[in-house]
Amino acid sequence: MAFSKTFPKTIQGTNYPIWEEVFLNSEEEKEVEELCRRVNYQLLDECLREAKALAIKHQINTDEVQAELALGLFEKRSSHVIFWKESKAKEKFDKENKK
């Protein structure tokens, strides 16, 4: 099923927006998912390196502590795929309504 998101479209002369639904086609959806995967992979790698440095600095350097620190950092920094899809839909909406 295609991803969709609804956005308010303001019309001059009215106080109420018209809600417009924007759909991502399967190609756009796959593109966003792949971008999200790549970014999250790099982010997790960065979190693992930082967790190791923190564990060594604070003399709590065990594999378990490093993994817990990295996971905590990653969860705080990572974005969910749905956020990426919503951002892509908003970009598409803005582009279509800029005319």
C-alpha atoms as a PDB file:
ATOM      1  CA  MET A   1       0.000   0.000   0.000  1.00  0.00           C
ATOM      2  CA  ALA A   2       1.368   3.420  -0.931  1.00  0.00           C
ATOM      3  CA  PHE A   3       2.399   5.856   1.767  1.00  0.00           C
ATOM      4  CA  SER A   4       0.250   8.978   2.039  1.00  0.00           C
ATOM      5  CA  LYS A   5       0.190  12.103   4.183  1.00  0.00           C
ATOM      6  CA  THR A   6      -2.403  14.883   4.367  1.00  0.00           C
ATOM      7  CA  PHE A   7      -1.388  18.556   4.390  1.00  0.00           C
ATOM      8  CA  PRO A   8      -3.406  21.764   4.791  1.00  0.00           C
ATOM      9  CA  LYS A   9      -3.536  23.890   1.660  1.00  0.00           C
ATOM     10  CA  THR A  10      -4.406  27.526   2.298  1.00  0.00           C
ATOM     11  CA  ILE A  11      -6.729  29.227  -0.133  1.00  0.00           C
ATOM     12  CA  GLN A  12      -6.929  33.006  -0.309  1.00  0.00           C
ATOM     13  CA  GLY A  13     -10.272  34.416   0.785  1.00  0.00           C
ATOM     14  CA  THR A  14     -11.118  31.571   3.148  1.00  0.00           C
ATOM     15  CA  ASN A  15     -10.292  30.966   6.782  1.00  0.00           C
ATOM     16  CA  TYR A  16     -10.229  27.207   6.480  1.00  0.00           C
ATOM     17  CA  PRO A  17      -7.596  25.167   4.656  1.00  0.00           C
ATOM     18  CA  ILE A  18      -8.383  22.459   2.161  1.00  0.00           C
ATOM     19  CA  TRP A  19      -6.710  19.205   3.138  1.00  0.00           C
ATOM     20  CA  GLU A  20      -4.767  17.634   0.305  1.00  0.00           C
ATOM     21  CA  GLU A  21      -3.492  14.054   0.411  1.00  0.00           C
ATOM     22  CA  VAL A  22      -0.062  13.409  -1.086  1.00  0.00           C
ATOM     23  CA  PHE A  23       0.988   9.891  -2.073  1.00  0.00           C
ATOM     24  CA  LEU A  24       4.491   8.556  -2.541  1.00  0.00           C
ATOM     25  CA  ASN A  25       4.843   6.108  -5.386  1.00  0.00           C
ATOM     26  CA  SER A  26       6.695   2.858  -4.696  1.00  0.00           C
ATOM     27  CA  GLU A  27       9.917   4.204  -6.232  1.00  0.00           C
ATOM     28  CA  GLU A  28       9.884   7.308  -4.004  1.00  0.00           C
ATOM     29  CA  GLU A  29       9.093   5.165  -0.978  1.00  0.00           C
ATOM     30  CA  LYS A  30      11.978   2.749  -1.678  1.00  0.00           C
ATOM     31  CA  GLU A  31      14.343   5.683  -2.266  1.00  0.00           C
ATOM     32  CA  VAL A  32      13.459   7.185   1.121  1.00  0.00           C
ATOM     33  CA  GLU A  33      13.757   3.821   2.889  1.00  0.00           C
ATOM     34  CA  GLU A  34      17.218   3.237   1.361  1.00  0.00           C
ATOM     35  CA  LEU A  35      18.385   6.718   2.347  1.00  0.00           C
ATOM     36  CA  CYS A  36      17.110   6.169   5.875  1.00  0.00           C
ATOM     37  CA  ARG A  37      18.921   2.794   6.084  1.00  0.00           C
ATOM     38  CA  ARG A  38      22.217   4.301   4.910  1.00  0.00           C
ATOM     39  CA  VAL A  39      22.013   7.224   7.321  1.00  0.00           C
ATOM     40  CA  ASN A  40      21.044   4.992  10.258  1.00  0.00           C
ATOM     41  CA  TYR A  41      23.911   2.586   9.441  1.00  0.00           C
ATOM     42  CA  GLN A  42      26.409   5.453   9.520  1.00  0.00           C
ATOM     43  CA  LEU A  43      24.797   6.805  12.677  1.00  0.00           C
ATOM     44  CA  LEU A  44      25.018   3.444  14.454  1.00  0.00           C
ATOM     45  CA  ASP A  45      28.678   3.108  13.451  1.00  0.00           C
ATOM     46  CA  GLU A  46      29.357   6.583  14.868  1.00  0.00           C
ATOM     47  CA  CYS A  47      27.463   5.738  18.077  1.00  0.00           C
ATOM     48  CA  LEU A  48      29.492   2.546  18.552  1.00  0.00           C
ATOM     49  CA  ARG A  49      32.778   4.470  18.211  1.00  0.00           C
ATOM     50  CA  GLU A  50      31.611   7.191  20.614  1.00  0.00           C
ATOM     51  CA  ALA A  51      30.319   4.632  23.122  1.00  0.00           C
ATOM     52  CA  LYS A  52      33.703   2.896  23.144  1.00  0.00           C
ATOM     53  CA  ALA A  53      35.485   6.219  23.707  1.00  0.00           C
ATOM     54  CA  LEU A  54      33.093   7.129  26.545  1.00  0.00           C
ATOM     55  CA  ALA A  55      33.470   3.715  28.204  1.00  0.00           C
ATOM     56  CA  ILE A  56      37.267   3.946  28.092  1.00  0.00           C
ATOM     57  CA  LYS A  57      37.252   7.552  29.352  1.00  0.00           C
ATOM     58  CA  HIS A  58      35.046   6.672  32.327  1.00  0.00           C
ATOM     59  CA  GLN A  59      36.782   3.333  33.013  1.00  0.00           C
ATOM     60  CA  ILE A  60      33.655   1.249  32.423  1.00  0.00           C
ATOM     61  CA  ASN A  61      34.994  -0.429  29.310  1.00  0.00           C
ATOM     62  CA  THR A  62      33.200  -3.735  28.806  1.00  0.00           C
ATOM     63  CA  ASP A  63      31.502  -4.982  25.653  1.00  0.00           C
ATOM     64  CA  GLU A  64      28.139  -4.938  27.431  1.00  0.00           C
ATOM     65  CA  VAL A  65      28.512  -1.321  28.595  1.00  0.00           C
ATOM     66  CA  GLN A  66      29.684  -0.238  25.131  1.00  0.00           C
ATOM     67  CA  ALA A  67      26.644  -1.895  23.543  1.00  0.00           C
ATOM     68  CA  GLU A  68      24.231  -0.272  26.017  1.00  0.00           C
ATOM     69  CA  LEU A  69      25.804   3.166  25.523  1.00  0.00           C
ATOM     70  CA  ALA A  70      25.770   2.799  21.727  1.00  0.00           C
ATOM     71  CA  LEU A  71      22.145   1.696  21.734  1.00  0.00           C
ATOM     72  CA  GLY A  72      21.134   4.625  23.935  1.00  0.00           C
ATOM     73  CA  LEU A  73      22.949   7.095  21.693  1.00  0.00           C
ATOM     74  CA  PHE A  74      21.481   5.529  18.557  1.00  0.00           C
ATOM     75  CA  GLU A  75      17.902   5.552  19.858  1.00  0.00           C
ATOM     76  CA  LYS A  76      18.185   9.239  20.711  1.00  0.00           C
ATOM     77  CA  ARG A  77      19.656  10.193  17.332  1.00  0.00           C
ATOM     78  CA  SER A  78      17.983   7.909  14.821  1.00  0.00           C
ATOM     79  CA  SER A  79      14.867   8.727  12.884  1.00  0.00           C
ATOM     80  CA  HIS A  80      12.096   6.363  12.027  1.00  0.00           C
ATOM     81  CA  VAL A  81      11.307   5.529   8.431  1.00  0.00           C
ATOM     82  CA  ILE A  82       7.866   7.118   8.805  1.00  0.00           C
ATOM     83  CA  PHE A  83       9.496  10.494   9.558  1.00  0.00           C
ATOM     84  CA  TRP A  84      11.553  10.244   6.365  1.00  0.00           C
ATOM     85  CA  LYS A  85       8.467   9.365   4.332  1.00  0.00           C
ATOM     86  CA  GLU A  86       6.489  12.247   5.843  1.00  0.00           C
ATOM     87  CA  SER A  87       9.338  14.619   5.021  1.00  0.00           C
ATOM     88  CA  LYS A  88       9.404  13.384   1.421  1.00  0.00           C
ATOM     89  CA  ALA A  89       5.622  13.795   1.142  1.00  0.00           C
ATOM     90  CA  LYS A  90       5.873  17.354   2.539  1.00  0.00           C
ATOM     91  CA  GLU A  91       8.614  18.155   0.035  1.00  0.00           C
ATOM     92  CA  LYS A  92       6.414  16.833  -2.776  1.00  0.00           C
ATOM     93  CA  PHE A  93       3.393  18.806  -1.462  1.00  0.00           C
ATOM     94  CA  ASP A  94       5.398  22.041  -1.251  1.00  0.00           C
ATOM     95  CA  LYS A  95       6.793  21.520  -4.755  1.00  0.00           C
ATOM     96  CA  GLU A  96       3.333  20.912  -6.241  1.00  0.00           C
ATOM     97  CA  ASN A  97       1.790  23.907  -4.467  1.00  0.00           C
ATOM     98  CA  LYS A  98       4.564  26.368  -5.208  1.00  0.00           C
ATOM     99  CA  LYS A  99       3.178  26.954  -8.710  1.00  0.00           C
END
